[in-house]
Amino acid sequence: LSCRHYSRRGVCVPTCRFTHGETREFSQDGECFECHPECERIEGGVTCNGSGADTCTRCAHYRDGPHCV
């Protein structure tokens, strides 16, 4: 089974929650994954580009080197 656009936990979806929604996501190989909880949610903008605390666009709290903590 493959999805036309994206997949979230095995369910086909038209898009990931890149810029809107309570939980923000990024995409890897057509699958939607949640951003790290230490990433600040940016309304209308991309919150992260990977799963780690070092992939946040902005930190919700503090930055220690490349990581949000």
Protein backbone atom coordinates (compact mmCIF):
# COMPACT_ATOMS: atom_id res chain seq x y z
CA LEU A 1 0.00 0.00 0.00
CA SER A 2 1.27 3.47 -0.83
CA CYS A 3 -0.33 6.86 -0.37
CA ARG A 4 -0.74 9.48 -3.06
CA HIS A 5 0.51 12.28 -0.79
CA TYR A 6 1.49 11.49 2.81
CA SER A 7 0.93 8.86 5.49
CA ARG A 8 0.41 9.41 9.22
CA ARG A 9 0.61 6.27 11.41
CA GLY A 10 -0.45 4.08 8.48
CA VAL A 11 -3.34 6.30 7.33
CA CYS A 12 -3.16 8.22 4.05
CA VAL A 13 -3.55 12.00 4.48
CA PRO A 14 -3.47 14.87 1.97
CA THR A 15 -0.76 16.78 3.86
CA CYS A 16 1.28 16.83 7.06
CA ARG A 17 0.75 19.51 9.72
CA PHE A 18 3.71 21.62 8.59
CA THR A 19 2.34 25.08 9.43
CA HIS A 20 -1.02 24.60 11.19
CA GLY A 21 -2.53 22.42 13.88
CA GLU A 22 -1.96 21.68 17.54
CA THR A 23 0.93 19.28 16.87
CA ARG A 24 3.42 20.25 14.15
CA GLU A 25 5.06 17.73 11.86
CA PHE A 26 7.79 17.20 9.32
CA SER A 27 7.88 14.69 6.48
CA GLN A 28 10.42 11.97 5.79
CA ASP A 29 9.94 9.60 2.84
CA GLY A 30 6.25 10.53 2.58
CA GLU A 31 5.51 9.83 6.26
CA CYS A 32 4.40 12.56 8.72
CA PHE A 33 6.27 12.65 12.04
CA GLU A 34 5.81 14.97 15.03
CA CYS A 35 8.34 17.68 15.79
CA HIS A 36 10.31 17.44 19.04
CA PRO A 37 8.31 18.81 22.03
CA GLU A 38 10.97 21.47 22.69
CA CYS A 39 10.31 23.11 19.31
CA GLU A 40 8.27 26.30 19.46
CA ARG A 41 5.09 26.06 17.39
CA ILE A 42 5.22 28.80 14.74
CA GLU A 43 1.83 29.90 13.36
CA GLY A 44 1.94 29.82 9.58
CA GLY A 45 5.56 28.69 9.51
CA VAL A 46 7.59 25.50 9.60
CA THR A 47 8.37 24.41 13.18
CA CYS A 48 11.04 21.76 12.50
CA ASN A 49 12.76 19.79 9.77
CA GLY A 50 13.48 16.60 11.69
CA SER A 51 12.72 14.69 14.88
CA GLY A 52 15.54 15.87 17.14
CA ALA A 53 15.79 18.84 19.46
CA ASP A 54 18.48 20.18 17.10
CA THR A 55 16.07 20.46 14.13
CA CYS A 56 13.76 23.16 15.55
CA THR A 57 13.27 26.45 13.74
CA ARG A 58 12.94 28.13 17.17
CA CYS A 59 13.08 26.75 20.68
CA ALA A 60 10.05 26.76 22.99
CA HIS A 61 12.30 27.42 25.98
CA TYR A 62 16.11 27.60 25.71
CA ARG A 63 18.89 26.63 23.31
CA ASP A 64 22.00 24.79 24.51
CA GLY A 65 24.36 24.78 21.55
CA PRO A 66 22.37 23.35 18.64
CA HIS A 67 19.72 21.71 20.89
CA CYS A 68 16.49 23.06 22.35
CA VAL A 69 16.09 22.22 26.04
